[in-house]
Amino acid sequence: MEITRLAASLLALTLVGCQSTAGNTHPDASNPFSLPYGEWRFSFVTPQALPALVTFASILDTDDIVYQFNTLDGTQGNPDSVGEWSQHIRRSSVTWNKAKHPPKAMVFCWDSVIDMKVYETSISFPQSVWEKMITPADHKNRRGTEVYYDTMIIGLAPEGKVTVWLQDVGKYPNYRITPSTLKTLSGDQLNVCKGITDSDFSYGYDQDIKDFIKGKTYPYGNW
């Protein structure tokens, strides 16, 4: 349902040429999921040497505001994610990927360099995730201050596989999110992401990718 609403909102925004935040503007006080820390952040990561590039994202938040992101923070490879995802991926510097309320739904377009495909991933989030994002963790950081789950990590792997966590701190593993729905499309199935790409797949792999996958079997791990 939320994905359908987000897709409809995206089509409407496209028709009027809008590329910024849209939606209702009722005060935060009316939203039981207002964040105690201002804004939450999201970051895209890939396994080591298995790159991808996110080219567009849109979010429907719990205040029914639609965000469109045509400029995004870079998708980073995680050196600790070889063969499987690290449970301690950390991202600290985020410039563009921010929103004011927890996400109901998200759609994003990404170029998988390793798969040489454009993917379109849609995710809807349960209320338990919104509650997690506004509630302090049961532990503190090394400075003794409260920890909030204010950063979402989205892992992009071969075969179009997507994993989502809320970032923790220190020795604590990230909180693995179980979405209400998660669907990834490619090829003729593309909808929002049709015609959106920043990659020339005919170029092939860079040498560092060739060196990394040599002797390994696709998809190069358990994702």
C-alpha atoms as a PDB file:
ATOM      1  CA  MET A   1       0.000   0.000   0.000  1.00  0.00           C
ATOM      2  CA  GLU A   2       2.691   2.506   0.998  1.00  0.00           C
ATOM      3  CA  ILE A   3       4.806   1.565  -2.030  1.00  0.00           C
ATOM      4  CA  THR A   4       1.786   2.172  -4.289  1.00  0.00           C
ATOM      5  CA  ARG A   5       1.233   5.587  -2.697  1.00  0.00           C
ATOM      6  CA  LEU A   6       4.900   6.470  -3.083  1.00  0.00           C
ATOM      7  CA  ALA A   7       4.931   5.433  -6.746  1.00  0.00           C
ATOM      8  CA  ALA A   8       1.824   7.529  -7.404  1.00  0.00           C
ATOM      9  CA  SER A   9       3.393  10.520  -5.652  1.00  0.00           C
ATOM     10  CA  LEU A  10       6.564  10.105  -7.703  1.00  0.00           C
ATOM     11  CA  LEU A  11       4.589  10.144 -10.935  1.00  0.00           C
ATOM     12  CA  ALA A  12       2.759  13.306  -9.837  1.00  0.00           C
ATOM     13  CA  LEU A  13       6.007  15.032  -8.890  1.00  0.00           C
ATOM     14  CA  THR A  14       7.538  14.078 -12.214  1.00  0.00           C
ATOM     15  CA  LEU A  15       4.605  15.603 -14.099  1.00  0.00           C
ATOM     16  CA  VAL A  16       5.077  18.978 -12.393  1.00  0.00           C
ATOM     17  CA  GLY A  17       8.867  18.804 -12.622  1.00  0.00           C
ATOM     18  CA  CYS A  18       9.351  18.857  -8.852  1.00  0.00           C
ATOM     19  CA  GLN A  19      12.637  17.569  -7.492  1.00  0.00           C
ATOM     20  CA  SER A  20      12.349  18.583  -3.849  1.00  0.00           C
ATOM     21  CA  THR A  21      10.372  17.607  -0.774  1.00  0.00           C
ATOM     22  CA  ALA A  22       6.591  17.530  -1.213  1.00  0.00           C
ATOM     23  CA  GLY A  23       3.588  16.462   0.826  1.00  0.00           C
ATOM     24  CA  ASN A  24       1.566  17.755   3.739  1.00  0.00           C
ATOM     25  CA  THR A  25       3.080  20.183   6.226  1.00  0.00           C
ATOM     26  CA  HIS A  26       1.241  19.623   9.502  1.00  0.00           C
ATOM     27  CA  PRO A  27       3.423  20.266  12.578  1.00  0.00           C
ATOM     28  CA  ASP A  28       5.769  17.647  13.997  1.00  0.00           C
ATOM     29  CA  ALA A  29       3.796  17.709  17.245  1.00  0.00           C
ATOM     30  CA  SER A  30       0.974  15.843  15.490  1.00  0.00           C
ATOM     31  CA  ASN A  31       3.301  13.008  14.494  1.00  0.00           C
ATOM     32  CA  PRO A  32       3.903  10.399  17.217  1.00  0.00           C
ATOM     33  CA  PHE A  33       7.080   9.353  15.397  1.00  0.00           C
ATOM     34  CA  SER A  34       8.858  12.713  15.481  1.00  0.00           C
ATOM     35  CA  LEU A  35      12.590  12.191  15.920  1.00  0.00           C
ATOM     36  CA  PRO A  36      14.260  13.405  19.132  1.00  0.00           C
ATOM     37  CA  TYR A  37      17.459  14.104  17.160  1.00  0.00           C
ATOM     38  CA  GLY A  38      16.261  16.179  14.194  1.00  0.00           C
ATOM     39  CA  GLU A  39      17.009  14.070  11.106  1.00  0.00           C
ATOM     40  CA  TRP A  40      17.843  10.467  10.334  1.00  0.00           C
ATOM     41  CA  ARG A  41      20.364   9.473   7.682  1.00  0.00           C
ATOM     42  CA  PHE A  42      20.716   6.641   5.207  1.00  0.00           C
ATOM     43  CA  SER A  43      23.789   5.261   3.457  1.00  0.00           C
ATOM     44  CA  PHE A  44      24.341   2.699   0.727  1.00  0.00           C
ATOM     45  CA  VAL A  45      27.225   0.229   0.925  1.00  0.00           C
ATOM     46  CA  THR A  46      28.535  -2.701  -1.097  1.00  0.00           C
ATOM     47  CA  PRO A  47      30.784  -5.657  -0.322  1.00  0.00           C
ATOM     48  CA  GLN A  48      34.485  -5.127  -0.889  1.00  0.00           C
ATOM     49  CA  ALA A  49      35.356  -4.804  -4.611  1.00  0.00           C
ATOM     50  CA  LEU A  50      31.776  -5.547  -5.764  1.00  0.00           C
ATOM     51  CA  PRO A  51      30.691  -1.986  -6.566  1.00  0.00           C
ATOM     52  CA  ALA A  52      27.322  -0.414  -7.262  1.00  0.00           C
ATOM     53  CA  LEU A  53      26.084   3.133  -7.748  1.00  0.00           C
ATOM     54  CA  VAL A  54      22.781   4.538  -6.465  1.00  0.00           C
ATOM     55  CA  THR A  55      21.428   7.075  -8.954  1.00  0.00           C
ATOM     56  CA  PHE A  56      18.041   8.069  -7.511  1.00  0.00           C
ATOM     57  CA  ALA A  57      16.047   7.569  -4.305  1.00  0.00           C
ATOM     58  CA  SER A  58      12.657   8.576  -2.971  1.00  0.00           C
ATOM     59  CA  ILE A  59      11.179   8.219   0.513  1.00  0.00           C
ATOM     60  CA  LEU A  60       7.673   8.483   1.936  1.00  0.00           C
ATOM     61  CA  ASP A  61       8.005   9.324   5.639  1.00  0.00           C
ATOM     62  CA  THR A  62       5.623   8.938   8.579  1.00  0.00           C
ATOM     63  CA  ASP A  63       4.509  12.555   8.112  1.00  0.00           C
ATOM     64  CA  ASP A  64       3.388  11.607   4.566  1.00  0.00           C
ATOM     65  CA  ILE A  65       6.116  13.781   3.061  1.00  0.00           C
ATOM     66  CA  VAL A  66       7.732  12.543  -0.154  1.00  0.00           C
ATOM     67  CA  TYR A  67      11.451  13.187  -0.602  1.00  0.00           C
ATOM     68  CA  GLN A  68      13.277  12.868  -3.921  1.00  0.00           C
ATOM     69  CA  PHE A  69      17.060  12.534  -4.017  1.00  0.00           C
ATOM     70  CA  ASN A  70      18.720  13.176  -7.365  1.00  0.00           C
ATOM     71  CA  THR A  71      22.010  13.941  -5.616  1.00  0.00           C
ATOM     72  CA  LEU A  72      23.114  11.291  -3.138  1.00  0.00           C
ATOM     73  CA  ASP A  73      26.107  10.563  -0.971  1.00  0.00           C
ATOM     74  CA  GLY A  74      28.503   8.097  -2.567  1.00  0.00           C
ATOM     75  CA  THR A  75      27.989   4.344  -2.341  1.00  0.00           C
ATOM     76  CA  GLN A  76      30.970   2.946  -0.445  1.00  0.00           C
ATOM     77  CA  GLY A  77      32.559  -0.474  -0.527  1.00  0.00           C
ATOM     78  CA  ASN A  78      32.991  -2.037   2.910  1.00  0.00           C
ATOM     79  CA  PRO A  79      36.421  -3.665   3.330  1.00  0.00           C
ATOM     80  CA  ASP A  80      35.155  -5.891   6.169  1.00  0.00           C
ATOM     81  CA  SER A  81      32.402  -7.383   4.004  1.00  0.00           C
ATOM     82  CA  VAL A  82      34.159 -10.154   2.098  1.00  0.00           C
ATOM     83  CA  GLY A  83      32.159 -13.338   1.527  1.00  0.00           C
ATOM     84  CA  GLU A  84      29.417 -12.094   3.852  1.00  0.00           C
ATOM     85  CA  TRP A  85      28.189  -8.835   5.314  1.00  0.00           C
ATOM     86  CA  SER A  86      29.979  -7.397   8.321  1.00  0.00           C
ATOM     87  CA  GLN A  87      27.609  -6.740  11.207  1.00  0.00           C
ATOM     88  CA  HIS A  88      29.583  -3.649  12.224  1.00  0.00           C
ATOM     89  CA  ILE A  89      29.414  -1.450   9.111  1.00  0.00           C
ATOM     90  CA  ARG A  90      29.693   2.196  10.121  1.00  0.00           C
ATOM     91  CA  ARG A  91      29.002   5.414   8.210  1.00  0.00           C
ATOM     92  CA  SER A  92      29.574   8.746   9.952  1.00  0.00           C
ATOM     93  CA  SER A  93      29.670  11.407   7.239  1.00  0.00           C
ATOM     94  CA  VAL A  94      26.371  11.973   5.408  1.00  0.00           C
ATOM     95  CA  THR A  95      25.632  15.182   3.504  1.00  0.00           C
ATOM     96  CA  TRP A  96      22.549  14.611   1.332  1.00  0.00           C
ATOM     97  CA  ASN A  97      20.826  11.427   2.467  1.00  0.00           C
ATOM     98  CA  LYS A  98      18.602  12.771   5.245  1.00  0.00           C
ATOM     99  CA  ALA A  99      14.913  12.953   6.195  1.00  0.00           C
ATOM    100  CA  LYS A 100      12.900  14.386   9.078  1.00  0.00           C
ATOM    101  CA  HIS A 101      10.705  11.418  10.024  1.00  0.00           C
ATOM    102  CA  PRO A 102      11.145   7.628   9.881  1.00  0.00           C
ATOM    103  CA  PRO A 103      10.437   6.008   6.507  1.00  0.00           C
ATOM    104  CA  LYS A 104       7.180   4.328   5.602  1.00  0.00           C
ATOM    105  CA  ALA A 105       8.515   3.356   2.186  1.00  0.00           C
ATOM    106  CA  MET A 106      11.521   3.841  -0.066  1.00  0.00           C
ATOM    107  CA  VAL A 107      12.264   3.335  -3.753  1.00  0.00           C
ATOM    108  CA  PHE A 108      15.763   3.624  -5.203  1.00  0.00           C
ATOM    109  CA  CYS A 109      17.557   3.000  -8.490  1.00  0.00           C
ATOM    110  CA  TRP A 110      21.000   1.464  -8.590  1.00  0.00           C
ATOM    111  CA  ASP A 111      23.561   0.359 -11.128  1.00  0.00           C
ATOM    112  CA  SER A 112      25.195  -2.920 -10.155  1.00  0.00           C
ATOM    113  CA  VAL A 113      28.627  -2.776 -11.746  1.00  0.00           C
ATOM    114  CA  ILE A 114      29.335  -6.385 -10.848  1.00  0.00           C
ATOM    115  CA  ASP A 115      26.022  -7.611 -12.358  1.00  0.00           C
ATOM    116  CA  MET A 116      26.057  -5.047 -15.191  1.00  0.00           C
ATOM    117  CA  LYS A 117      22.375  -4.353 -14.529  1.00  0.00           C
ATOM    118  CA  VAL A 118      20.118  -1.512 -13.448  1.00  0.00           C
ATOM    119  CA  TYR A 119      17.997  -2.457 -10.437  1.00  0.00           C
ATOM    120  CA  GLU A 120      14.914  -0.852  -8.900  1.00  0.00           C
ATOM    121  CA  THR A 121      14.356  -1.704  -5.237  1.00  0.00           C
ATOM    122  CA  SER A 122      11.229  -0.840  -3.261  1.00  0.00           C
ATOM    123  CA  ILE A 123      11.004  -1.306   0.510  1.00  0.00           C
ATOM    124  CA  SER A 124       8.203  -0.718   3.005  1.00  0.00           C
ATOM    125  CA  PHE A 125       8.970  -0.550   6.718  1.00  0.00           C
ATOM    126  CA  PRO A 126       6.881  -1.782   9.680  1.00  0.00           C
ATOM    127  CA  GLN A 127       5.981   0.385  12.653  1.00  0.00           C
ATOM    128  CA  SER A 128       8.520  -1.511  14.767  1.00  0.00           C
ATOM    129  CA  VAL A 129      11.296   0.178  12.755  1.00  0.00           C
ATOM    130  CA  TRP A 130       9.837   3.650  13.335  1.00  0.00           C
ATOM    131  CA  GLU A 131       9.656   2.889  17.063  1.00  0.00           C
ATOM    132  CA  LYS A 132      13.253   1.665  17.059  1.00  0.00           C
ATOM    133  CA  MET A 133      14.403   4.912  15.438  1.00  0.00           C
ATOM    134  CA  ILE A 134      12.816   7.165  18.079  1.00  0.00           C
ATOM    135  CA  THR A 135      13.804   5.084  21.126  1.00  0.00           C
ATOM    136  CA  PRO A 136      17.243   5.233  22.817  1.00  0.00           C
ATOM    137  CA  ALA A 137      19.282   2.022  22.737  1.00  0.00           C
ATOM    138  CA  ASP A 138      19.707   0.080  25.987  1.00  0.00           C
ATOM    139  CA  HIS A 139      23.407   0.977  25.990  1.00  0.00           C
ATOM    140  CA  LYS A 140      25.422   4.189  25.759  1.00  0.00           C
ATOM    141  CA  ASN A 141      28.384   5.188  23.597  1.00  0.00           C
ATOM    142  CA  ARG A 142      31.944   5.435  24.895  1.00  0.00           C
ATOM    143  CA  ARG A 143      31.320   9.011  26.020  1.00  0.00           C
ATOM    144  CA  GLY A 144      28.431   7.846  28.159  1.00  0.00           C
ATOM    145  CA  THR A 145      25.713   9.557  26.128  1.00  0.00           C
ATOM    146  CA  GLU A 146      22.511   8.099  24.728  1.00  0.00           C
ATOM    147  CA  VAL A 147      22.618   6.148  21.482  1.00  0.00           C
ATOM    148  CA  TYR A 148      19.853   6.497  18.905  1.00  0.00           C
ATOM    149  CA  TYR A 149      19.394   4.410  15.775  1.00  0.00           C
ATOM    150  CA  ASP A 150      19.624   7.469  13.538  1.00  0.00           C
ATOM    151  CA  THR A 151      21.442   5.941  10.546  1.00  0.00           C
ATOM    152  CA  MET A 152      20.092   3.330   8.146  1.00  0.00           C
ATOM    153  CA  ILE A 153      22.636   1.202   6.268  1.00  0.00           C
ATOM    154  CA  ILE A 154      21.461  -0.334   2.983  1.00  0.00           C
ATOM    155  CA  GLY A 155      23.657  -3.090   1.587  1.00  0.00           C
ATOM    156  CA  LEU A 156      23.711  -3.749  -2.171  1.00  0.00           C
ATOM    157  CA  ALA A 157      25.095  -7.111  -3.262  1.00  0.00           C
ATOM    158  CA  PRO A 158      25.363  -9.269  -6.393  1.00  0.00           C
ATOM    159  CA  GLU A 159      22.133 -10.823  -7.732  1.00  0.00           C
ATOM    160  CA  GLY A 160      20.351  -7.590  -6.794  1.00  0.00           C
ATOM    161  CA  LYS A 161      20.191  -8.619  -3.146  1.00  0.00           C
ATOM    162  CA  VAL A 162      19.477  -5.868  -0.620  1.00  0.00           C
ATOM    163  CA  THR A 163      19.951  -5.944   3.163  1.00  0.00           C
ATOM    164  CA  VAL A 164      18.978  -3.173   5.580  1.00  0.00           C
ATOM    165  CA  TRP A 165      20.255  -2.371   9.075  1.00  0.00           C
ATOM    166  CA  LEU A 166      20.067   0.393  11.660  1.00  0.00           C
ATOM    167  CA  GLN A 167      23.588   1.382  12.627  1.00  0.00           C
ATOM    168  CA  ASP A 168      24.786   0.798  16.186  1.00  0.00           C
ATOM    169  CA  VAL A 169      28.015   1.875  17.903  1.00  0.00           C
ATOM    170  CA  GLY A 170      31.235   0.319  19.172  1.00  0.00           C
ATOM    171  CA  LYS A 171      31.153  -3.426  19.783  1.00  0.00           C
ATOM    172  CA  TYR A 172      27.409  -3.675  19.199  1.00  0.00           C
ATOM    173  CA  PRO A 173      26.265  -5.266  15.917  1.00  0.00           C
ATOM    174  CA  ASN A 174      23.929  -3.362  13.656  1.00  0.00           C
ATOM    175  CA  TYR A 175      20.213  -4.040  14.013  1.00  0.00           C
ATOM    176  CA  ARG A 176      19.010  -6.108  11.052  1.00  0.00           C
ATOM    177  CA  ILE A 177      15.697  -4.806   9.699  1.00  0.00           C
ATOM    178  CA  THR A 178      13.014  -7.159   8.442  1.00  0.00           C
ATOM    179  CA  PRO A 179      11.035  -5.011   5.965  1.00  0.00           C
ATOM    180  CA  SER A 180       7.292  -5.395   5.524  1.00  0.00           C
ATOM    181  CA  THR A 181       8.045  -5.784   1.819  1.00  0.00           C
ATOM    182  CA  LEU A 182      11.238  -5.740  -0.226  1.00  0.00           C
ATOM    183  CA  LYS A 183      11.199  -6.171  -3.992  1.00  0.00           C
ATOM    184  CA  THR A 184      13.897  -5.663  -6.602  1.00  0.00           C
ATOM    185  CA  LEU A 185      13.176  -5.376 -10.337  1.00  0.00           C
ATOM    186  CA  SER A 186      15.393  -5.230 -13.420  1.00  0.00           C
ATOM    187  CA  GLY A 187      15.197  -5.242 -17.202  1.00  0.00           C
ATOM    188  CA  ASP A 188      11.717  -4.857 -18.698  1.00  0.00           C
ATOM    189  CA  GLN A 189      10.194  -4.809 -15.196  1.00  0.00           C
ATOM    190  CA  LEU A 190      11.692  -1.406 -14.358  1.00  0.00           C
ATOM    191  CA  ASN A 191       9.136   1.285 -13.563  1.00  0.00           C
ATOM    192  CA  VAL A 192      10.437   4.321 -11.656  1.00  0.00           C
ATOM    193  CA  CYS A 193      14.014   3.521 -12.707  1.00  0.00           C
ATOM    194  CA  LYS A 194      13.432   3.021 -16.420  1.00  0.00           C
ATOM    195  CA  GLY A 195      16.044   5.053 -18.291  1.00  0.00           C
ATOM    196  CA  ILE A 196      17.917   6.062 -15.121  1.00  0.00           C
ATOM    197  CA  THR A 197      21.573   5.009 -15.123  1.00  0.00           C
ATOM    198  CA  ASP A 198      25.027   6.513 -14.727  1.00  0.00           C
ATOM    199  CA  SER A 199      26.970   3.484 -15.955  1.00  0.00           C
ATOM    200  CA  ASP A 200      28.373   2.196 -19.232  1.00  0.00           C
ATOM    201  CA  PHE A 201      28.295  -1.552 -18.698  1.00  0.00           C
ATOM    202  CA  SER A 202      29.960  -2.174 -22.063  1.00  0.00           C
ATOM    203  CA  TYR A 203      33.211  -0.939 -20.521  1.00  0.00           C
ATOM    204  CA  GLY A 204      33.558  -4.106 -18.453  1.00  0.00           C
ATOM    205  CA  TYR A 205      35.284  -4.446 -15.089  1.00  0.00           C
ATOM    206  CA  ASP A 206      38.143  -2.345 -13.763  1.00  0.00           C
ATOM    207  CA  GLN A 207      41.331  -4.278 -13.064  1.00  0.00           C
ATOM    208  CA  ASP A 208      40.861  -4.243  -9.279  1.00  0.00           C
ATOM    209  CA  ILE A 209      37.504  -5.991  -9.681  1.00  0.00           C
ATOM    210  CA  LYS A 210      39.000  -8.560 -12.061  1.00  0.00           C
ATOM    211  CA  ASP A 211      41.778  -9.261  -9.566  1.00  0.00           C
ATOM    212  CA  PHE A 212      39.335  -9.644  -6.681  1.00  0.00           C
ATOM    213  CA  ILE A 213      36.906 -12.051  -8.379  1.00  0.00           C
ATOM    214  CA  LYS A 214      39.612 -14.174 -10.032  1.00  0.00           C
ATOM    215  CA  GLY A 215      39.210 -17.771  -8.864  1.00  0.00           C
ATOM    216  CA  LYS A 216      35.983 -16.980  -7.011  1.00  0.00           C
ATOM    217  CA  THR A 217      32.460 -18.153  -7.827  1.00  0.00           C
ATOM    218  CA  TYR A 218      29.581 -15.740  -8.444  1.00  0.00           C
ATOM    219  CA  PRO A 219      27.904 -14.224  -6.390  1.00  0.00           C
ATOM    220  CA  TYR A 220      31.199 -14.151  -4.461  1.00  0.00           C
ATOM    221  CA  GLY A 221      29.671 -14.756  -1.052  1.00  0.00           C
ATOM    222  CA  ASN A 222      26.537 -15.357   0.973  1.00  0.00           C
ATOM    223  CA  TRP A 223      24.529 -12.150   0.865  1.00  0.00           C
END
